[in-house]
């Protein structure tokens, strides 16, 4: 069974991946892992691994959706090519 510091370390590693790799997908996972670590660290609730994974998944999805809503793609950020350069 993973202890609370394992979730926090996993969140830090996933957060570091967000800085190294392009895209904004890892930040939601990092927030989910840190949240589960904080819940376990607080000691208010003793939960098993299946519930930890469920909390991780739900919080990660909610964080990703919230970040996408807060920071949408800017107009012109994605370039769509309408013709081939060889034509």
PDB file of N, CA and C in Angstrom:
ATOM      1  N   UNK A   1       0.851  -1.185   0.000  1.00  0.00           N
ATOM      2  CA  UNK A   1       0.000   0.000   0.000  1.00  0.00           C
ATOM      3  C   UNK A   1       0.894   1.245   0.000  1.00  0.00           C
ATOM      4  N   UNK A   2       0.545   2.208  -0.810  1.00  0.00           N
ATOM      5  CA  UNK A   2       1.357   3.409  -0.943  1.00  0.00           C
ATOM      6  C   UNK A   2       1.082   4.358   0.223  1.00  0.00           C
ATOM      7  N   UNK A   3       2.130   4.874   0.791  1.00  0.00           N
ATOM      8  CA  UNK A   3       1.967   5.825   1.889  1.00  0.00           C
ATOM      9  C   UNK A   3       1.799   7.229   1.321  1.00  0.00           C
ATOM     10  N   UNK A   4       1.464   8.174   2.188  1.00  0.00           N
ATOM     11  CA  UNK A   4       1.130   9.528   1.739  1.00  0.00           C
ATOM     12  C   UNK A   4       2.297  10.197   1.031  1.00  0.00           C
ATOM     13  N   UNK A   5       3.516   9.955   1.474  1.00  0.00           N
ATOM     14  CA  UNK A   5       4.645  10.631   0.835  1.00  0.00           C
ATOM     15  C   UNK A   5       4.889  10.101  -0.569  1.00  0.00           C
ATOM     16  N   UNK A   6       4.477   8.873  -0.843  1.00  0.00           N
ATOM     17  CA  UNK A   6       4.603   8.327  -2.193  1.00  0.00           C
ATOM     18  C   UNK A   6       3.738   9.087  -3.192  1.00  0.00           C
ATOM     19  N   UNK A   7       2.530   9.443  -2.754  1.00  0.00           N
ATOM     20  CA  UNK A   7       1.652  10.237  -3.621  1.00  0.00           C
ATOM     21  C   UNK A   7       2.229  11.631  -3.863  1.00  0.00           C
ATOM     22  N   UNK A   8       2.815  12.221  -2.813  1.00  0.00           N
ATOM     23  CA  UNK A   8       3.386  13.561  -2.973  1.00  0.00           C
ATOM     24  C   UNK A   8       4.606  13.539  -3.892  1.00  0.00           C
ATOM     25  N   UNK A   9       5.436  12.513  -3.760  1.00  0.00           N
ATOM     26  CA  UNK A   9       6.600  12.391  -4.643  1.00  0.00           C
ATOM     27  C   UNK A   9       6.145  12.155  -6.081  1.00  0.00           C
ATOM     28  N   UNK A  10       5.138  11.296  -6.253  1.00  0.00           N
ATOM     29  CA  UNK A  10       4.603  11.057  -7.593  1.00  0.00           C
ATOM     30  C   UNK A  10       4.039  12.343  -8.194  1.00  0.00           C
ATOM     31  N   UNK A  11       3.354  13.140  -7.384  1.00  0.00           N
ATOM     32  CA  UNK A  11       2.842  14.422  -7.868  1.00  0.00           C
ATOM     33  C   UNK A  11       3.958  15.372  -8.275  1.00  0.00           C
ATOM     34  N   UNK A  12       5.048  15.383  -7.518  1.00  0.00           N
ATOM     35  CA  UNK A  12       6.178  16.250  -7.861  1.00  0.00           C
ATOM     36  C   UNK A  12       6.854  15.784  -9.153  1.00  0.00           C
ATOM     37  N   UNK A  13       6.996  14.474  -9.322  1.00  0.00           N
ATOM     38  CA  UNK A  13       7.617  13.945 -10.540  1.00  0.00           C
ATOM     39  C   UNK A  13       6.740  14.232 -11.755  1.00  0.00           C
ATOM     40  N   UNK A  14       5.444  14.022 -11.613  1.00  0.00           N
ATOM     41  CA  UNK A  14       4.530  14.303 -12.730  1.00  0.00           C
ATOM     42  C   UNK A  14       4.501  15.799 -13.021  1.00  0.00           C
ATOM     43  N   UNK A  15       4.575  16.627 -11.988  1.00  0.00           N
ATOM     44  CA  UNK A  15       4.650  18.074 -12.202  1.00  0.00           C
ATOM     45  C   UNK A  15       5.922  18.470 -12.926  1.00  0.00           C
ATOM     46  N   UNK A  16       7.033  17.790 -12.635  1.00  0.00           N
ATOM     47  CA  UNK A  16       8.281  18.064 -13.346  1.00  0.00           C
ATOM     48  C   UNK A  16       8.169  17.636 -14.812  1.00  0.00           C
ATOM     49  N   UNK A  17       7.451  16.537 -15.073  1.00  0.00           N
ATOM     50  CA  UNK A  17       7.221  16.132 -16.460  1.00  0.00           C
ATOM     51  C   UNK A  17       6.468  17.209 -17.237  1.00  0.00           C
ATOM     52  N   UNK A  18       5.568  17.886 -16.548  1.00  0.00           N
ATOM     53  CA  UNK A  18       4.808  18.972 -17.191  1.00  0.00           C
ATOM     54  C   UNK A  18       5.745  20.067 -17.678  1.00  0.00           C
ATOM     55  N   UNK A  19       6.817  20.319 -16.935  1.00  0.00           N
ATOM     56  CA  UNK A  19       7.769  21.360 -17.327  1.00  0.00           C
ATOM     57  C   UNK A  19       8.641  20.917 -18.490  1.00  0.00           C
ATOM     58  N   UNK A  20       8.915  19.621 -18.585  1.00  0.00           N
ATOM     59  CA  UNK A  20       9.841  19.113 -19.592  1.00  0.00           C
ATOM     60  C   UNK A  20       9.146  18.811 -20.916  1.00  0.00           C
ATOM     61  N   UNK A  21       7.975  18.180 -20.849  1.00  0.00           N
ATOM     62  CA  UNK A  21       7.277  17.751 -22.052  1.00  0.00           C
ATOM     63  C   UNK A  21       6.234  18.777 -22.478  1.00  0.00           C
ATOM     64  N   UNK A  22       6.021  18.930 -23.778  1.00  0.00           N
ATOM     65  CA  UNK A  22       5.009  19.890 -24.242  1.00  0.00           C
ATOM     66  C   UNK A  22       3.596  19.391 -23.956  1.00  0.00           C
ATOM     67  N   UNK A  23       2.690  20.316 -23.850  1.00  0.00           N
ATOM     68  CA  UNK A  23       1.300  19.972 -23.565  1.00  0.00           C
ATOM     69  C   UNK A  23       0.961  20.270 -22.123  1.00  0.00           C
ATOM     70  N   UNK A  24      -0.322  20.221 -21.827  1.00  0.00           N
ATOM     71  CA  UNK A  24      -0.772  20.549 -20.476  1.00  0.00           C
ATOM     72  C   UNK A  24      -1.557  19.407 -19.862  1.00  0.00           C
ATOM     73  N   UNK A  25      -1.235  18.175 -20.215  1.00  0.00           N
ATOM     74  CA  UNK A  25      -2.011  17.053 -19.706  1.00  0.00           C
ATOM     75  C   UNK A  25      -1.526  16.577 -18.351  1.00  0.00           C
ATOM     76  N   UNK A  26      -0.233  16.712 -18.060  1.00  0.00           N
ATOM     77  CA  UNK A  26       0.319  16.156 -16.830  1.00  0.00           C
ATOM     78  C   UNK A  26      -0.035  16.966 -15.584  1.00  0.00           C
ATOM     79  N   UNK A  27      -0.404  18.219 -15.738  1.00  0.00           N
ATOM     80  CA  UNK A  27      -0.694  19.054 -14.576  1.00  0.00           C
ATOM     81  C   UNK A  27      -1.912  18.553 -13.811  1.00  0.00           C
ATOM     82  N   UNK A  28      -2.925  18.076 -14.499  1.00  0.00           N
ATOM     83  CA  UNK A  28      -4.098  17.515 -13.827  1.00  0.00           C
ATOM     84  C   UNK A  28      -3.743  16.280 -13.023  1.00  0.00           C
ATOM     85  N   UNK A  29      -2.885  15.418 -13.595  1.00  0.00           N
ATOM     86  CA  UNK A  29      -2.441  14.232 -12.874  1.00  0.00           C
ATOM     87  C   UNK A  29      -1.634  14.610 -11.644  1.00  0.00           C
ATOM     88  N   UNK A  30      -0.791  15.617 -11.762  1.00  0.00           N
ATOM     89  CA  UNK A  30       0.016  16.062 -10.620  1.00  0.00           C
ATOM     90  C   UNK A  30      -0.884  16.597  -9.505  1.00  0.00           C
ATOM     91  N   UNK A  31      -1.886  17.369  -9.868  1.00  0.00           N
ATOM     92  CA  UNK A  31      -2.819  17.904  -8.873  1.00  0.00           C
ATOM     93  C   UNK A  31      -3.573  16.767  -8.192  1.00  0.00           C
ATOM     94  N   UNK A  32      -3.979  15.760  -8.956  1.00  0.00           N
ATOM     95  CA  UNK A  32      -4.675  14.614  -8.380  1.00  0.00           C
ATOM     96  C   UNK A  32      -3.800  13.838  -7.401  1.00  0.00           C
ATOM     97  N   UNK A  33      -2.538  13.621  -7.758  1.00  0.00           N
ATOM     98  CA  UNK A  33      -1.638  12.876  -6.877  1.00  0.00           C
ATOM     99  C   UNK A  33      -1.341  13.650  -5.595  1.00  0.00           C
ATOM    100  N   UNK A  34      -1.122  14.948  -5.724  1.00  0.00           N
ATOM    101  CA  UNK A  34      -0.850  15.762  -4.536  1.00  0.00           C
ATOM    102  C   UNK A  34      -2.089  15.827  -3.643  1.00  0.00           C
ATOM    103  N   UNK A  35      -3.264  15.865  -4.221  1.00  0.00           N
ATOM    104  CA  UNK A  35      -4.496  15.883  -3.429  1.00  0.00           C
ATOM    105  C   UNK A  35      -4.660  14.592  -2.623  1.00  0.00           C
ATOM    106  N   UNK A  36      -4.422  13.448  -3.259  1.00  0.00           N
ATOM    107  CA  UNK A  36      -4.518  12.177  -2.539  1.00  0.00           C
ATOM    108  C   UNK A  36      -3.462  12.125  -1.440  1.00  0.00           C
ATOM    109  N   UNK A  37      -2.249  12.601  -1.718  1.00  0.00           N
ATOM    110  CA  UNK A  37      -1.208  12.631  -0.701  1.00  0.00           C
ATOM    111  C   UNK A  37      -1.584  13.524   0.471  1.00  0.00           C
ATOM    112  N   UNK A  38      -2.203  14.653   0.176  1.00  0.00           N
ATOM    113  CA  UNK A  38      -2.612  15.565   1.246  1.00  0.00           C
ATOM    114  C   UNK A  38      -3.737  14.964   2.091  1.00  0.00           C
ATOM    115  N   UNK A  39      -4.675  14.262   1.453  1.00  0.00           N
ATOM    116  CA  UNK A  39      -5.758  13.613   2.196  1.00  0.00           C
ATOM    117  C   UNK A  39      -5.195  12.526   3.107  1.00  0.00           C
ATOM    118  N   UNK A  40      -4.270  11.742   2.583  1.00  0.00           N
ATOM    119  CA  UNK A  40      -3.645  10.694   3.397  1.00  0.00           C
ATOM    120  C   UNK A  40      -2.798  11.299   4.514  1.00  0.00           C
ATOM    121  N   UNK A  41      -2.078  12.347   4.230  1.00  0.00           N
ATOM    122  CA  UNK A  41      -1.206  12.987   5.217  1.00  0.00           C
ATOM    123  C   UNK A  41      -2.013  13.598   6.360  1.00  0.00           C
ATOM    124  N   UNK A  42      -3.183  14.145   6.036  1.00  0.00           N
ATOM    125  CA  UNK A  42      -3.993  14.784   7.070  1.00  0.00           C
ATOM    126  C   UNK A  42      -4.449  13.779   8.128  1.00  0.00           C
ATOM    127  N   UNK A  43      -4.613  12.524   7.752  1.00  0.00           N
ATOM    128  CA  UNK A  43      -5.010  11.509   8.705  1.00  0.00           C
ATOM    129  C   UNK A  43      -6.469  11.568   9.115  1.00  0.00           C
ATOM    130  N   UNK A  44      -7.231  12.445   8.504  1.00  0.00           N
ATOM    131  CA  UNK A  44      -8.650  12.555   8.852  1.00  0.00           C
ATOM    132  C   UNK A  44      -9.457  11.369   8.347  1.00  0.00           C
ATOM    133  N   UNK A  45      -9.022  10.821   7.216  1.00  0.00           N
ATOM    134  CA  UNK A  45      -9.740   9.717   6.608  1.00  0.00           C
ATOM    135  C   UNK A  45      -8.739   8.621   6.272  1.00  0.00           C
ATOM    136  N   UNK A  46      -8.995   7.415   6.708  1.00  0.00           N
ATOM    137  CA  UNK A  46      -8.165   6.267   6.345  1.00  0.00           C
ATOM    138  C   UNK A  46      -8.856   5.547   5.190  1.00  0.00           C
ATOM    139  N   UNK A  47      -8.247   5.588   4.019  1.00  0.00           N
ATOM    140  CA  UNK A  47      -8.864   4.994   2.836  1.00  0.00           C
ATOM    141  C   UNK A  47      -7.913   3.984   2.223  1.00  0.00           C
ATOM    142  N   UNK A  48      -8.484   2.997   1.569  1.00  0.00           N
ATOM    143  CA  UNK A  48      -7.702   1.956   0.918  1.00  0.00           C
ATOM    144  C   UNK A  48      -7.252   2.385  -0.468  1.00  0.00           C
ATOM    145  N   UNK A  49      -6.461   1.523  -1.093  1.00  0.00           N
ATOM    146  CA  UNK A  49      -5.908   1.830  -2.410  1.00  0.00           C
ATOM    147  C   UNK A  49      -6.980   2.039  -3.480  1.00  0.00           C
ATOM    148  N   UNK A  50      -8.042   1.221  -3.551  1.00  0.00           N
ATOM    149  CA  UNK A  50      -9.063   1.474  -4.582  1.00  0.00           C
ATOM    150  C   UNK A  50      -9.703   2.865  -4.449  1.00  0.00           C
ATOM    151  N   UNK A  51      -9.961   3.295  -3.222  1.00  0.00           N
ATOM    152  CA  UNK A  51     -10.554   4.614  -3.024  1.00  0.00           C
ATOM    153  C   UNK A  51      -9.538   5.711  -3.341  1.00  0.00           C
ATOM    154  N   UNK A  52      -8.279   5.470  -3.029  1.00  0.00           N
ATOM    155  CA  UNK A  52      -7.236   6.445  -3.373  1.00  0.00           C
ATOM    156  C   UNK A  52      -7.157   6.628  -4.881  1.00  0.00           C
ATOM    157  N   UNK A  53      -7.201   5.520  -5.622  1.00  0.00           N
ATOM    158  CA  UNK A  53      -7.143   5.601  -7.081  1.00  0.00           C
ATOM    159  C   UNK A  53      -8.382   6.294  -7.645  1.00  0.00           C
ATOM    160  N   UNK A  54      -9.538   6.055  -7.041  1.00  0.00           N
ATOM    161  CA  UNK A  54     -10.753   6.734  -7.489  1.00  0.00           C
ATOM    162  C   UNK A  54     -10.664   8.236  -7.241  1.00  0.00           C
ATOM    163  N   UNK A  55     -10.212   8.615  -6.056  1.00  0.00           N
ATOM    164  CA  UNK A  55     -10.048  10.045  -5.755  1.00  0.00           C
ATOM    165  C   UNK A  55      -9.042  10.671  -6.705  1.00  0.00           C
ATOM    166  N   UNK A  56      -7.940   9.961  -6.963  1.00  0.00           N
ATOM    167  CA  UNK A  56      -6.927  10.456  -7.890  1.00  0.00           C
ATOM    168  C   UNK A  56      -7.518  10.703  -9.270  1.00  0.00           C
ATOM    169  N   UNK A  57      -8.278   9.732  -9.782  1.00  0.00           N
ATOM    170  CA  UNK A  57      -8.857   9.866 -11.118  1.00  0.00           C
ATOM    171  C   UNK A  57      -9.865  11.005 -11.191  1.00  0.00           C
ATOM    172  N   UNK A  58     -10.736  11.106 -10.203  1.00  0.00           N
ATOM    173  CA  UNK A  58     -11.781  12.143 -10.221  1.00  0.00           C
ATOM    174  C   UNK A  58     -11.168  13.537 -10.088  1.00  0.00           C
ATOM    175  N   UNK A  59     -10.217  13.687  -9.163  1.00  0.00           N
ATOM    176  CA  UNK A  59      -9.588  14.997  -8.962  1.00  0.00           C
ATOM    177  C   UNK A  59      -8.747  15.382 -10.177  1.00  0.00           C
ATOM    178  N   UNK A  60      -8.041  14.416 -10.770  1.00  0.00           N
ATOM    179  CA  UNK A  60      -7.225  14.709 -11.951  1.00  0.00           C
ATOM    180  C   UNK A  60      -8.104  15.158 -13.115  1.00  0.00           C
ATOM    181  N   UNK A  61      -9.225  14.485 -13.316  1.00  0.00           N
ATOM    182  CA  UNK A  61     -10.140  14.874 -14.398  1.00  0.00           C
ATOM    183  C   UNK A  61     -10.747  16.243 -14.141  1.00  0.00           C
ATOM    184  N   UNK A  62     -11.161  16.493 -12.909  1.00  0.00           N
ATOM    185  CA  UNK A  62     -11.744  17.797 -12.572  1.00  0.00           C
ATOM    186  C   UNK A  62     -10.705  18.908 -12.696  1.00  0.00           C
ATOM    187  N   UNK A  63      -9.474  18.631 -12.278  1.00  0.00           N
ATOM    188  CA  UNK A  63      -8.413  19.641 -12.396  1.00  0.00           C
ATOM    189  C   UNK A  63      -8.101  19.926 -13.854  1.00  0.00           C
ATOM    190  N   UNK A  64      -8.035  18.882 -14.677  1.00  0.00           N
ATOM    191  CA  UNK A  64      -7.758  19.078 -16.099  1.00  0.00           C
ATOM    192  C   UNK A  64      -8.872  19.889 -16.757  1.00  0.00           C
ATOM    193  N   UNK A  65     -10.130  19.555 -16.450  1.00  0.00           N
ATOM    194  CA  UNK A  65     -11.260  20.295 -17.028  1.00  0.00           C
ATOM    195  C   UNK A  65     -11.269  21.743 -16.536  1.00  0.00           C
ATOM    196  N   UNK A  66     -10.959  21.943 -15.266  1.00  0.00           N
ATOM    197  CA  UNK A  66     -10.902  23.302 -14.737  1.00  0.00           C
ATOM    198  C   UNK A  66      -9.785  24.125 -15.359  1.00  0.00           C
ATOM    199  N   UNK A  67      -8.637  23.506 -15.565  1.00  0.00           N
ATOM    200  CA  UNK A  67      -7.525  24.218 -16.196  1.00  0.00           C
ATOM    201  C   UNK A  67      -7.830  24.534 -17.657  1.00  0.00           C
ATOM    202  N   UNK A  68      -8.501  23.600 -18.356  1.00  0.00           N
ATOM    203  CA  UNK A  68      -8.873  23.863 -19.751  1.00  0.00           C
ATOM    204  C   UNK A  68      -9.878  25.013 -19.834  1.00  0.00           C
ATOM    205  N   UNK A  69     -10.768  25.106 -18.855  1.00  0.00           N
ATOM    206  CA  UNK A  69     -11.744  26.192 -18.847  1.00  0.00           C
ATOM    207  C   UNK A  69     -11.083  27.516 -18.472  1.00  0.00           C
ATOM    208  N   UNK A  70     -10.133  27.470 -17.555  1.00  0.00           N
ATOM    209  CA  UNK A  70      -9.480  28.697 -17.110  1.00  0.00           C
ATOM    210  C   UNK A  70      -8.483  29.215 -18.142  1.00  0.00           C
ATOM    211  N   UNK A  71      -7.825  28.293 -18.847  1.00  0.00           N
ATOM    212  CA  UNK A  71      -6.812  28.676 -19.830  1.00  0.00           C
ATOM    213  C   UNK A  71      -7.124  28.029 -21.173  1.00  0.00           C
ATOM    214  N   UNK A  72      -8.119  28.550 -21.887  1.00  0.00           N
ATOM    215  CA  UNK A  72      -8.483  27.937 -23.180  1.00  0.00           C
ATOM    216  C   UNK A  72      -7.411  28.236 -24.228  1.00  0.00           C
ATOM    217  N   UNK A  73      -7.490  27.513 -25.342  1.00  0.00           N
ATOM    218  CA  UNK A  73      -6.577  27.784 -26.445  1.00  0.00           C
ATOM    219  C   UNK A  73      -6.816  29.191 -26.968  1.00  0.00           C
ATOM    220  N   UNK A  74      -5.757  29.898 -27.221  1.00  0.00           N
ATOM    221  CA  UNK A  74      -5.878  31.249 -27.752  1.00  0.00           C
ATOM    222  C   UNK A  74      -6.139  31.178 -29.254  1.00  0.00           C
ATOM    223  N   UNK A  75      -6.848  32.135 -29.762  1.00  0.00           N
ATOM    224  CA  UNK A  75      -7.129  32.173 -31.192  1.00  0.00           C
ATOM    225  C   UNK A  75      -5.817  32.318 -31.939  1.00  0.00           C
ATOM    226  N   UNK A  76      -5.638  31.482 -32.931  1.00  0.00           N
ATOM    227  CA  UNK A  76      -4.409  31.516 -33.705  1.00  0.00           C
ATOM    228  C   UNK A  76      -3.303  30.654 -33.123  1.00  0.00           C
ATOM    229  N   UNK A  77      -3.557  29.999 -31.998  1.00  0.00           N
ATOM    230  CA  UNK A  77      -2.522  29.166 -31.391  1.00  0.00           C
ATOM    231  C   UNK A  77      -2.291  27.893 -32.204  1.00  0.00           C
ATOM    232  N   UNK A  78      -3.338  27.388 -32.829  1.00  0.00           N
ATOM    233  CA  UNK A  78      -3.217  26.197 -33.649  1.00  0.00           C
ATOM    234  C   UNK A  78      -3.269  26.630 -35.103  1.00  0.00           C
ATOM    235  N   UNK A  79      -2.239  26.295 -35.859  1.00  0.00           N
ATOM    236  CA  UNK A  79      -2.178  26.663 -37.274  1.00  0.00           C
ATOM    237  C   UNK A  79      -2.781  25.536 -38.098  1.00  0.00           C
ATOM    238  N   UNK A  80      -3.765  25.875 -38.918  1.00  0.00           N
ATOM    239  CA  UNK A  80      -4.372  24.900 -39.816  1.00  0.00           C
ATOM    240  C   UNK A  80      -3.919  25.213 -41.232  1.00  0.00           C
ATOM    241  N   UNK A  81      -3.266  24.244 -41.822  1.00  0.00           N
ATOM    242  CA  UNK A  81      -2.778  24.410 -43.184  1.00  0.00           C
ATOM    243  C   UNK A  81      -3.881  23.990 -44.146  1.00  0.00           C
ATOM    244  N   UNK A  82      -4.211  24.886 -45.089  1.00  0.00           N
ATOM    245  CA  UNK A  82      -5.274  24.586 -46.056  1.00  0.00           C
ATOM    246  C   UNK A  82      -4.740  24.150 -47.406  1.00  0.00           C
ATOM    247  N   UNK A  83      -3.427  24.336 -47.624  1.00  0.00           N
ATOM    248  CA  UNK A  83      -2.849  23.902 -48.892  1.00  0.00           C
ATOM    249  C   UNK A  83      -1.486  23.262 -48.624  1.00  0.00           C
ATOM    250  N   UNK A  84      -1.096  22.422 -49.525  1.00  0.00           N
ATOM    251  CA  UNK A  84       0.178  21.734 -49.407  1.00  0.00           C
ATOM    252  C   UNK A  84       1.283  22.636 -49.917  1.00  0.00           C
ATOM    253  N   UNK A  85       2.424  22.610 -49.270  1.00  0.00           N
ATOM    254  CA  UNK A  85       3.541  23.461 -49.663  1.00  0.00           C
ATOM    255  C   UNK A  85       4.102  23.047 -51.023  1.00  0.00           C
ATOM    256  N   UNK A  86       3.864  21.794 -51.432  1.00  0.00           N
ATOM    257  CA  UNK A  86       4.379  21.299 -52.708  1.00  0.00           C
ATOM    258  C   UNK A  86       3.471  21.620 -53.881  1.00  0.00           C
ATOM    259  N   UNK A  87       2.279  22.175 -53.620  1.00  0.00           N
ATOM    260  CA  UNK A  87       1.363  22.491 -54.727  1.00  0.00           C
ATOM    261  C   UNK A  87       1.771  23.759 -55.417  1.00  0.00           C
TER     262      UNK A  87
END
